[in-house]
Amino acid sequence: AAPPQTATRPAAASADQASAERLQIAMSSIEYPVTPSDVYILNYRQ
């Protein structure tokens, strides 16, 4: 009755790894274009 709990973990881990790699490449690339649905964090002191 209980489906294997680890069946979807490799796919989810692979997707998370791909997202992390894309983020690292974007931050290190001087040509990464501003893209719709990008999320940025702005830190500053008042």
All heavy atoms as atom14 arrays in JSON, in Angstrom:
{
  "sequence": "AAPPQTATRPAAASADQASAERLQIAMSSIEYPVTPSDVYILNYRQ",
  "atom14_mask": [
    [1, 1, 1, 1, 1, 0, 0, 0, 0, 0, 0, 0, 0, 0],
    [1, 1, 1, 1, 1, 0, 0, 0, 0, 0, 0, 0, 0, 0],
    [1, 1, 1, 1, 1, 1, 1, 0, 0, 0, 0, 0, 0, 0],
    [1, 1, 1, 1, 1, 1, 1, 0, 0, 0, 0, 0, 0, 0],
    [1, 1, 1, 1, 1, 1, 1, 1, 1, 0, 0, 0, 0, 0],
    [1, 1, 1, 1, 1, 1, 1, 0, 0, 0, 0, 0, 0, 0],
    [1, 1, 1, 1, 1, 0, 0, 0, 0, 0, 0, 0, 0, 0],
    [1, 1, 1, 1, 1, 1, 1, 0, 0, 0, 0, 0, 0, 0],
    [1, 1, 1, 1, 1, 1, 1, 1, 1, 1, 1, 0, 0, 0],
    [1, 1, 1, 1, 1, 1, 1, 0, 0, 0, 0, 0, 0, 0],
    [1, 1, 1, 1, 1, 0, 0, 0, 0, 0, 0, 0, 0, 0],
    [1, 1, 1, 1, 1, 0, 0, 0, 0, 0, 0, 0, 0, 0],
    [1, 1, 1, 1, 1, 0, 0, 0, 0, 0, 0, 0, 0, 0],
    [1, 1, 1, 1, 1, 1, 0, 0, 0, 0, 0, 0, 0, 0],
    [1, 1, 1, 1, 1, 0, 0, 0, 0, 0, 0, 0, 0, 0],
    [1, 1, 1, 1, 1, 1, 1, 1, 0, 0, 0, 0, 0, 0],
    [1, 1, 1, 1, 1, 1, 1, 1, 1, 0, 0, 0, 0, 0],
    [1, 1, 1, 1, 1, 0, 0, 0, 0, 0, 0, 0, 0, 0],
    [1, 1, 1, 1, 1, 1, 0, 0, 0, 0, 0, 0, 0, 0],
    [1, 1, 1, 1, 1, 0, 0, 0, 0, 0, 0, 0, 0, 0],
    [1, 1, 1, 1, 1, 1, 1, 1, 1, 0, 0, 0, 0, 0],
    [1, 1, 1, 1, 1, 1, 1, 1, 1, 1, 1, 0, 0, 0],
    [1, 1, 1, 1, 1, 1, 1, 1, 0, 0, 0, 0, 0, 0],
    [1, 1, 1, 1, 1, 1, 1, 1, 1, 0, 0, 0, 0, 0],
    [1, 1, 1, 1, 1, 1, 1, 1, 0, 0, 0, 0, 0, 0],
    [1, 1, 1, 1, 1, 0, 0, 0, 0, 0, 0, 0, 0, 0],
    [1, 1, 1, 1, 1, 1, 1, 1, 0, 0, 0, 0, 0, 0],
    [1, 1, 1, 1, 1, 1, 0, 0, 0, 0, 0, 0, 0, 0],
    [1, 1, 1, 1, 1, 1, 0, 0, 0, 0, 0, 0, 0, 0],
    [1, 1, 1, 1, 1, 1, 1, 1, 0, 0, 0, 0, 0, 0],
    [1, 1, 1, 1, 1, 1, 1, 1, 1, 0, 0, 0, 0, 0],
    [1, 1, 1, 1, 1, 1, 1, 1, 1, 1, 1, 1, 0, 0],
    [1, 1, 1, 1, 1, 1, 1, 0, 0, 0, 0, 0, 0, 0],
    [1, 1, 1, 1, 1, 1, 1, 0, 0, 0, 0, 0, 0, 0],
    [1, 1, 1, 1, 1, 1, 1, 0, 0, 0, 0, 0, 0, 0],
    [1, 1, 1, 1, 1, 1, 1, 0, 0, 0, 0, 0, 0, 0],
    [1, 1, 1, 1, 1, 1, 0, 0, 0, 0, 0, 0, 0, 0],
    [1, 1, 1, 1, 1, 1, 1, 1, 0, 0, 0, 0, 0, 0],
    [1, 1, 1, 1, 1, 1, 1, 0, 0, 0, 0, 0, 0, 0],
    [1, 1, 1, 1, 1, 1, 1, 1, 1, 1, 1, 1, 0, 0],
    [1, 1, 1, 1, 1, 1, 1, 1, 0, 0, 0, 0, 0, 0],
    [1, 1, 1, 1, 1, 1, 1, 1, 0, 0, 0, 0, 0, 0],
    [1, 1, 1, 1, 1, 1, 1, 1, 0, 0, 0, 0, 0, 0],
    [1, 1, 1, 1, 1, 1, 1, 1, 1, 1, 1, 1, 0, 0],
    [1, 1, 1, 1, 1, 1, 1, 1, 1, 1, 1, 0, 0, 0],
    [1, 1, 1, 1, 1, 1, 1, 1, 1, 0, 0, 0, 0, 0]
  ],
  "atom14_positions": [
    [[0.82, -1.21, 0.0], [0.0, 0.0, 0.0], [0.84, 1.25, 0.0], [0.52, 2.24, -0.64], [-0.94, 0.0, 1.22], [0.0, 0.0, 0.0], [0.0, 0.0, 0.0], [0.0, 0.0, 0.0], [0.0, 0.0, 0.0], [0.0, 0.0, 0.0], [0.0, 0.0, 0.0], [0.0, 0.0, 0.0], [0.0, 0.0, 0.0], [0.0, 0.0, 0.0]],
    [[1.96, 1.24, 0.75], [2.78, 2.44, 0.87], [3.76, 2.51, -0.29], [4.55, 1.6, -0.49], [3.54, 2.42, 2.2], [0.0, 0.0, 0.0], [0.0, 0.0, 0.0], [0.0, 0.0, 0.0], [0.0, 0.0, 0.0], [0.0, 0.0, 0.0], [0.0, 0.0, 0.0], [0.0, 0.0, 0.0], [0.0, 0.0, 0.0], [0.0, 0.0, 0.0]],
    [[3.73, 3.55, -1.12], [4.67, 3.68, -2.23], [6.07, 3.96, -1.71], [6.24, 4.49, -0.61], [4.13, 4.9, -3.01], [3.39, 5.69, -1.99], [2.82, 4.69, -1.02], [0.0, 0.0, 0.0], [0.0, 0.0, 0.0], [0.0, 0.0, 0.0], [0.0, 0.0, 0.0], [0.0, 0.0, 0.0], [0.0, 0.0, 0.0], [0.0, 0.0, 0.0]],
    [[7.08, 3.58, -2.46], [8.46, 3.83, -2.04], [8.69, 5.32, -1.8], [8.36, 6.15, -2.64], [9.3, 3.32, -3.22], [8.4, 2.38, -3.95], [7.01, 2.9, -3.75], [0.0, 0.0, 0.0], [0.0, 0.0, 0.0], [0.0, 0.0, 0.0], [0.0, 0.0, 0.0], [0.0, 0.0, 0.0], [0.0, 0.0, 0.0], [0.0, 0.0, 0.0]],
    [[9.24, 5.67, -0.67], [9.41, 7.06, -0.3], [10.58, 7.71, -1.03], [10.67, 8.92, -1.11], [9.62, 7.17, 1.22], [8.42, 6.71, 2.03], [7.17, 7.53, 1.73], [7.23, 8.76, 1.68], [6.05, 6.86, 1.51], [0.0, 0.0, 0.0], [0.0, 0.0, 0.0], [0.0, 0.0, 0.0], [0.0, 0.0, 0.0], [0.0, 0.0, 0.0]],
    [[11.49, 6.88, -1.56], [12.68, 7.43, -2.2], [12.57, 7.49, -3.71], [13.5, 7.88, -4.39], [13.92, 6.59, -1.83], [13.7, 5.24, -2.26], [14.15, 6.61, -0.33], [0.0, 0.0, 0.0], [0.0, 0.0, 0.0], [0.0, 0.0, 0.0], [0.0, 0.0, 0.0], [0.0, 0.0, 0.0], [0.0, 0.0, 0.0], [0.0, 0.0, 0.0]],
    [[11.38, 7.09, -4.27], [11.26, 7.01, -5.72], [11.43, 8.35, -6.39], [12.0, 8.45, -7.47], [9.91, 6.39, -6.09], [0.0, 0.0, 0.0], [0.0, 0.0, 0.0], [0.0, 0.0, 0.0], [0.0, 0.0, 0.0], [0.0, 0.0, 0.0], [0.0, 0.0, 0.0], [0.0, 0.0, 0.0], [0.0, 0.0, 0.0], [0.0, 0.0, 0.0]],
    [[10.9, 9.42, -5.78], [10.94, 10.74, -6.41], [12.1, 11.59, -5.92], [12.3, 12.69, -6.42], [9.62, 11.48, -6.16], [9.42, 11.62, -4.75], [8.44, 10.73, -6.77], [0.0, 0.0, 0.0], [0.0, 0.0, 0.0], [0.0, 0.0, 0.0], [0.0, 0.0, 0.0], [0.0, 0.0, 0.0], [0.0, 0.0, 0.0], [0.0, 0.0, 0.0]],
    [[12.85, 11.1, -4.94], [13.93, 11.92, -4.39], [15.05, 12.21, -5.38], [15.53, 13.33, -5.45], [14.47, 11.24, -3.13], [13.52, 11.34, -1.94], [14.1, 10.66, -0.72], [13.16, 10.69, 0.4], [13.37, 10.1, 1.55], [14.49, 9.42, 1.75], [12.46, 10.17, 2.51], [0.0, 0.0, 0.0], [0.0, 0.0, 0.0], [0.0, 0.0, 0.0]],
    [[15.51, 11.2, -6.17], [16.58, 11.52, -7.12], [16.19, 12.6, -8.11], [16.98, 13.5, -8.41], [16.81, 10.17, -7.81], [16.38, 9.16, -6.82], [15.21, 9.77, -6.12], [0.0, 0.0, 0.0], [0.0, 0.0, 0.0], [0.0, 0.0, 0.0], [0.0, 0.0, 0.0], [0.0, 0.0, 0.0], [0.0, 0.0, 0.0], [0.0, 0.0, 0.0]],
    [[14.95, 12.56, -8.63], [14.5, 13.57, -9.58], [14.44, 14.94, -8.92], [14.85, 15.95, -9.5], [13.13, 13.19, -10.14], [0.0, 0.0, 0.0], [0.0, 0.0, 0.0], [0.0, 0.0, 0.0], [0.0, 0.0, 0.0], [0.0, 0.0, 0.0], [0.0, 0.0, 0.0], [0.0, 0.0, 0.0], [0.0, 0.0, 0.0], [0.0, 0.0, 0.0]],
    [[13.91, 15.0, -7.69], [13.83, 16.27, -6.98], [15.22, 16.81, -6.68], [15.49, 18.0, -6.82], [13.03, 16.1, -5.69], [0.0, 0.0, 0.0], [0.0, 0.0, 0.0], [0.0, 0.0, 0.0], [0.0, 0.0, 0.0], [0.0, 0.0, 0.0], [0.0, 0.0, 0.0], [0.0, 0.0, 0.0], [0.0, 0.0, 0.0], [0.0, 0.0, 0.0]],
    [[16.12, 15.92, -6.27], [17.49, 16.34, -5.97], [18.18, 16.85, -7.22], [18.93, 17.83, -7.18], [18.26, 15.17, -5.36], [0.0, 0.0, 0.0], [0.0, 0.0, 0.0], [0.0, 0.0, 0.0], [0.0, 0.0, 0.0], [0.0, 0.0, 0.0], [0.0, 0.0, 0.0], [0.0, 0.0, 0.0], [0.0, 0.0, 0.0], [0.0, 0.0, 0.0]],
    [[17.91, 16.18, -8.35], [18.52, 16.61, -9.62], [18.03, 17.99, -10.02], [18.8, 18.82, -10.49], [18.19, 15.59, -10.71], [18.72, 16.0, -11.95], [0.0, 0.0, 0.0], [0.0, 0.0, 0.0], [0.0, 0.0, 0.0], [0.0, 0.0, 0.0], [0.0, 0.0, 0.0], [0.0, 0.0, 0.0], [0.0, 0.0, 0.0], [0.0, 0.0, 0.0]],
    [[16.72, 18.24, -9.83], [16.16, 19.55, -10.17], [16.74, 20.64, -9.27], [17.06, 21.74, -9.75], [14.63, 19.52, -10.04], [0.0, 0.0, 0.0], [0.0, 0.0, 0.0], [0.0, 0.0, 0.0], [0.0, 0.0, 0.0], [0.0, 0.0, 0.0], [0.0, 0.0, 0.0], [0.0, 0.0, 0.0], [0.0, 0.0, 0.0], [0.0, 0.0, 0.0]],
    [[16.88, 20.34, -7.98], [17.46, 21.32, -7.06], [18.92, 21.61, -7.42], [19.37, 22.75, -7.34], [17.38, 20.79, -5.62], [15.95, 20.73, -5.11], [15.09, 21.41, -5.7], [15.71, 20.0, -4.13], [0.0, 0.0, 0.0], [0.0, 0.0, 0.0], [0.0, 0.0, 0.0], [0.0, 0.0, 0.0], [0.0, 0.0, 0.0], [0.0, 0.0, 0.0]],
    [[19.64, 20.58, -7.81], [21.04, 20.76, -8.19], [21.15, 21.61, -9.44], [22.02, 22.48, -9.54], [21.71, 19.4, -8.42], [23.19, 19.5, -8.77], [23.84, 18.15, -8.97], [23.17, 17.12, -8.9], [25.13, 18.14, -9.22], [0.0, 0.0, 0.0], [0.0, 0.0, 0.0], [0.0, 0.0, 0.0], [0.0, 0.0, 0.0], [0.0, 0.0, 0.0]],
    [[20.25, 21.36, -10.42], [20.26, 22.15, -11.65], [19.97, 23.63, -11.35], [20.61, 24.52, -11.91], [19.24, 21.6, -12.64], [0.0, 0.0, 0.0], [0.0, 0.0, 0.0], [0.0, 0.0, 0.0], [0.0, 0.0, 0.0], [0.0, 0.0, 0.0], [0.0, 0.0, 0.0], [0.0, 0.0, 0.0], [0.0, 0.0, 0.0], [0.0, 0.0, 0.0]],
    [[19.01, 23.88, -10.45], [18.68, 25.26, -10.09], [19.86, 25.94, -9.4], [20.16, 27.11, -9.67], [17.45, 25.28, -9.17], [16.32, 24.76, -9.83], [0.0, 0.0, 0.0], [0.0, 0.0, 0.0], [0.0, 0.0, 0.0], [0.0, 0.0, 0.0], [0.0, 0.0, 0.0], [0.0, 0.0, 0.0], [0.0, 0.0, 0.0], [0.0, 0.0, 0.0]],
    [[20.53, 25.21, -8.53], [21.69, 25.76, -7.83], [22.83, 26.06, -8.8], [23.49, 27.1, -8.69], [22.16, 24.79, -6.74], [0.0, 0.0, 0.0], [0.0, 0.0, 0.0], [0.0, 0.0, 0.0], [0.0, 0.0, 0.0], [0.0, 0.0, 0.0], [0.0, 0.0, 0.0], [0.0, 0.0, 0.0], [0.0, 0.0, 0.0], [0.0, 0.0, 0.0]],
    [[23.04, 25.18, -9.77], [24.09, 25.41, -10.76], [23.77, 26.63, -11.63], [24.66, 27.43, -11.93], [24.26, 24.17, -11.63], [24.89, 22.99, -10.91], [24.99, 21.75, -11.78], [24.45, 21.78, -12.91], [25.61, 20.77, -11.35], [0.0, 0.0, 0.0], [0.0, 0.0, 0.0], [0.0, 0.0, 0.0], [0.0, 0.0, 0.0], [0.0, 0.0, 0.0]],
    [[22.5, 26.76, -12.03], [22.1, 27.92, -12.83], [22.34, 29.22, -12.06], [22.81, 30.2, -12.64], [20.63, 27.81, -13.23], [20.34, 26.74, -14.27], [18.86, 26.72, -14.62], [18.56, 25.72, -15.63], [17.36, 25.52, -16.15], [16.32, 26.26, -15.72], [17.15, 24.59, -17.06], [0.0, 0.0, 0.0], [0.0, 0.0, 0.0], [0.0, 0.0, 0.0]],
    [[22.01, 29.19, -10.78], [22.19, 30.39, -9.96], [23.67, 30.76, -9.86], [24.04, 31.93, -10.0], [21.61, 30.14, -8.56], [21.76, 31.29, -7.55], [21.09, 32.55, -8.06], [21.18, 30.88, -6.2], [0.0, 0.0, 0.0], [0.0, 0.0, 0.0], [0.0, 0.0, 0.0], [0.0, 0.0, 0.0], [0.0, 0.0, 0.0], [0.0, 0.0, 0.0]],
    [[24.53, 29.78, -9.66], [25.96, 30.04, -9.56], [26.52, 30.59, -10.87], [27.33, 31.52, -10.88], [26.7, 28.77, -9.16], [26.43, 28.32, -7.73], [27.1, 27.01, -7.39], [27.52, 26.27, -8.28], [27.2, 26.72, -6.11], [0.0, 0.0, 0.0], [0.0, 0.0, 0.0], [0.0, 0.0, 0.0], [0.0, 0.0, 0.0], [0.0, 0.0, 0.0]],
    [[26.08, 30.0, -11.98], [26.54, 30.46, -13.29], [26.08, 31.89, -13.56], [26.83, 32.73, -14.06], [26.05, 29.51, -14.4], [26.7, 28.14, -14.25], [26.36, 30.09, -15.78], [26.12, 27.08, -15.18], [0.0, 0.0, 0.0], [0.0, 0.0, 0.0], [0.0, 0.0, 0.0], [0.0, 0.0, 0.0], [0.0, 0.0, 0.0], [0.0, 0.0, 0.0]],
    [[24.82, 32.18, -13.23], [24.28, 33.52, -13.45], [25.04, 34.56, -12.66], [25.35, 35.66, -13.15], [22.8, 33.55, -13.09], [0.0, 0.0, 0.0], [0.0, 0.0, 0.0], [0.0, 0.0, 0.0], [0.0, 0.0, 0.0], [0.0, 0.0, 0.0], [0.0, 0.0, 0.0], [0.0, 0.0, 0.0], [0.0, 0.0, 0.0], [0.0, 0.0, 0.0]],
    [[25.37, 34.25, -11.4], [26.06, 35.21, -10.54], [27.5, 35.44, -10.99], [28.07, 36.5, -10.75], [26.0, 34.74, -9.09], [24.62, 34.83, -8.47], [24.62, 34.59, -6.66], [25.23, 32.91, -6.55], [0.0, 0.0, 0.0], [0.0, 0.0, 0.0], [0.0, 0.0, 0.0], [0.0, 0.0, 0.0], [0.0, 0.0, 0.0], [0.0, 0.0, 0.0]],
    [[28.1, 34.43, -11.63], [29.5, 34.57, -12.04], [29.66, 35.05, -13.48], [30.77, 35.32, -13.92], [30.21, 33.22, -11.88], [29.64, 32.24, -12.75], [0.0, 0.0, 0.0], [0.0, 0.0, 0.0], [0.0, 0.0, 0.0], [0.0, 0.0, 0.0], [0.0, 0.0, 0.0], [0.0, 0.0, 0.0], [0.0, 0.0, 0.0], [0.0, 0.0, 0.0]],
    [[28.55, 35.16, -14.23], [28.61, 35.55, -15.63], [28.35, 37.04, -15.8], [27.42, 37.59, -15.22], [27.58, 34.76, -16.44], [27.52, 35.22, -17.77], [0.0, 0.0, 0.0], [0.0, 0.0, 0.0], [0.0, 0.0, 0.0], [0.0, 0.0, 0.0], [0.0, 0.0, 0.0], [0.0, 0.0, 0.0], [0.0, 0.0, 0.0], [0.0, 0.0, 0.0]],
    [[29.18, 37.69, -16.63], [28.97, 39.11, -16.89], [27.91, 39.33, -17.97], [27.48, 40.47, -18.19], [30.28, 39.8, -17.31], [30.82, 39.17, -18.62], [31.31, 39.72, -16.21], [32.02, 39.89, -19.18], [0.0, 0.0, 0.0], [0.0, 0.0, 0.0], [0.0, 0.0, 0.0], [0.0, 0.0, 0.0], [0.0, 0.0, 0.0], [0.0, 0.0, 0.0]],
    [[27.49, 38.27, -18.65], [26.51, 38.41, -19.72], [25.12, 37.93, -19.35], [24.22, 37.94, -20.2], [26.99, 37.66, -20.98], [27.09, 36.16, -20.8], [27.45, 35.45, -22.09], [27.53, 36.12, -23.14], [27.65, 34.23, -22.06], [0.0, 0.0, 0.0], [0.0, 0.0, 0.0], [0.0, 0.0, 0.0], [0.0, 0.0, 0.0], [0.0, 0.0, 0.0]],
    [[24.92, 37.51, -18.09], [23.59, 37.03, -17.73], [22.58, 38.15, -17.9], [22.69, 39.21, -17.27], [23.54, 36.51, -16.29], [22.16, 36.04, -15.91], [21.65, 34.84, -16.39], [21.33, 36.82, -15.1], [20.36, 34.41, -16.08], [20.05, 36.41, -14.78], [19.57, 35.2, -15.27], [18.29, 34.79, -14.98], [0.0, 0.0, 0.0], [0.0, 0.0, 0.0]],
    [[21.55, 37.96, -18.74], [20.57, 39.02, -18.96], [19.48, 39.05, -17.9], [19.1, 38.01, -17.36], [19.98, 38.65, -20.33], [20.05, 37.15, -20.34], [21.3, 36.78, -19.57], [0.0, 0.0, 0.0], [0.0, 0.0, 0.0], [0.0, 0.0, 0.0], [0.0, 0.0, 0.0], [0.0, 0.0, 0.0], [0.0, 0.0, 0.0], [0.0, 0.0, 0.0]],
    [[19.01, 40.23, -17.59], [17.85, 40.34, -16.7], [16.7, 39.59, -17.37], [16.38, 39.82, -18.53], [17.47, 41.81, -16.47], [16.19, 41.9, -15.65], [18.6, 42.54, -15.77], [0.0, 0.0, 0.0], [0.0, 0.0, 0.0], [0.0, 0.0, 0.0], [0.0, 0.0, 0.0], [0.0, 0.0, 0.0], [0.0, 0.0, 0.0], [0.0, 0.0, 0.0]],
    [[16.08, 38.67, -16.63], [15.08, 37.77, -17.2], [13.8, 37.83, -16.39], [13.85, 37.84, -15.15], [15.62, 36.32, -17.19], [16.86, 36.29, -17.9], [14.64, 35.37, -17.84], [0.0, 0.0, 0.0], [0.0, 0.0, 0.0], [0.0, 0.0, 0.0], [0.0, 0.0, 0.0], [0.0, 0.0, 0.0], [0.0, 0.0, 0.0], [0.0, 0.0, 0.0]],
    [[12.64, 37.9, -17.03], [11.38, 37.88, -16.29], [11.3, 36.7, -15.33], [11.72, 35.6, -15.67], [10.32, 37.77, -17.4], [10.96, 38.45, -18.57], [12.41, 38.09, -18.49], [0.0, 0.0, 0.0], [0.0, 0.0, 0.0], [0.0, 0.0, 0.0], [0.0, 0.0, 0.0], [0.0, 0.0, 0.0], [0.0, 0.0, 0.0], [0.0, 0.0, 0.0]],
    [[10.78, 36.96, -14.16], [10.65, 36.03, -13.02], [11.94, 35.83, -12.26], [11.98, 35.04, -11.31], [10.05, 34.67, -13.43], [10.97, 33.87, -14.14], [0.0, 0.0, 0.0], [0.0, 0.0, 0.0], [0.0, 0.0, 0.0], [0.0, 0.0, 0.0], [0.0, 0.0, 0.0], [0.0, 0.0, 0.0], [0.0, 0.0, 0.0], [0.0, 0.0, 0.0]],
    [[13.01, 36.56, -12.63], [14.2, 36.61, -11.76], [13.79, 37.19, -10.41], [12.94, 38.09, -10.34], [15.28, 37.52, -12.36], [16.13, 36.82, -13.39], [15.97, 35.6, -13.59], [16.97, 37.5, -14.01], [0.0, 0.0, 0.0], [0.0, 0.0, 0.0], [0.0, 0.0, 0.0], [0.0, 0.0, 0.0], [0.0, 0.0, 0.0], [0.0, 0.0, 0.0]],
    [[14.41, 36.72, -9.35], [14.19, 37.28, -8.01], [15.53, 37.75, -7.46], [16.48, 36.97, -7.41], [13.56, 36.25, -7.05], [13.38, 36.86, -5.66], [12.22, 35.76, -7.59], [0.0, 0.0, 0.0], [0.0, 0.0, 0.0], [0.0, 0.0, 0.0], [0.0, 0.0, 0.0], [0.0, 0.0, 0.0], [0.0, 0.0, 0.0], [0.0, 0.0, 0.0]],
    [[15.61, 39.03, -7.09], [16.83, 39.62, -6.55], [16.61, 40.03, -5.1], [15.48, 40.28, -4.67], [17.25, 40.85, -7.36], [17.38, 40.61, -8.85], [16.97, 41.58, -9.77], [17.89, 39.42, -9.35], [17.08, 41.37, -11.13], [18.0, 39.2, -10.71], [17.59, 40.18, -11.59], [17.71, 39.96, -12.94], [0.0, 0.0, 0.0], [0.0, 0.0, 0.0]],
    [[17.71, 40.1, -4.37], [17.68, 40.57, -2.98], [18.51, 41.84, -2.88], [19.68, 41.85, -3.27], [18.22, 39.51, -2.0], [17.34, 38.26, -2.03], [18.29, 40.07, -0.59], [15.92, 38.5, -1.54], [0.0, 0.0, 0.0], [0.0, 0.0, 0.0], [0.0, 0.0, 0.0], [0.0, 0.0, 0.0], [0.0, 0.0, 0.0], [0.0, 0.0, 0.0]],
    [[17.9, 42.91, -2.38], [18.58, 44.19, -2.2], [18.77, 44.45, -0.7], [17.81, 44.52, 0.05], [17.77, 45.32, -2.83], [18.3, 46.73, -2.62], [19.67, 46.9, -3.26], [17.32, 47.77, -3.17], [0.0, 0.0, 0.0], [0.0, 0.0, 0.0], [0.0, 0.0, 0.0], [0.0, 0.0, 0.0], [0.0, 0.0, 0.0], [0.0, 0.0, 0.0]],
    [[20.03, 44.55, -0.29], [20.36, 44.89, 1.09], [20.99, 46.28, 1.14], [21.85, 46.59, 0.31], [21.36, 43.86, 1.67], [20.74, 42.49, 1.84], [19.79, 42.31, 2.6], [21.27, 41.5, 1.13], [0.0, 0.0, 0.0], [0.0, 0.0, 0.0], [0.0, 0.0, 0.0], [0.0, 0.0, 0.0], [0.0, 0.0, 0.0], [0.0, 0.0, 0.0]],
    [[20.56, 47.09, 2.1], [21.13, 48.43, 2.26], [20.89, 48.91, 3.69], [20.08, 48.34, 4.43], [20.53, 49.42, 1.26], [19.05, 49.67, 1.43], [18.59, 50.79, 2.14], [18.11, 48.81, 0.88], [17.24, 51.02, 2.3], [16.75, 49.03, 1.04], [16.33, 50.14, 1.75], [14.98, 50.36, 1.91], [0.0, 0.0, 0.0], [0.0, 0.0, 0.0]],
    [[21.61, 49.95, 4.07], [21.49, 50.51, 5.41], [20.85, 51.89, 5.32], [21.27, 52.73, 4.53], [22.86, 50.62, 6.08], [22.81, 51.19, 7.5], [24.2, 51.29, 8.09], [24.83, 49.96, 8.23], [26.06, 49.78, 8.64], [26.84, 50.83, 8.94], [26.55, 48.56, 8.75], [0.0, 0.0, 0.0], [0.0, 0.0, 0.0], [0.0, 0.0, 0.0]],
    [[19.82, 52.1, 6.13], [19.14, 53.38, 6.16], [19.98, 54.4, 6.94], [20.95, 54.05, 7.62], [17.76, 53.25, 6.78], [16.77, 52.5, 5.9], [15.39, 52.48, 6.5], [15.22, 52.4, 7.72], [14.36, 52.56, 5.66], [0.0, 0.0, 0.0], [0.0, 0.0, 0.0], [0.0, 0.0, 0.0], [0.0, 0.0, 0.0], [0.0, 0.0, 0.0]]
  ]
}
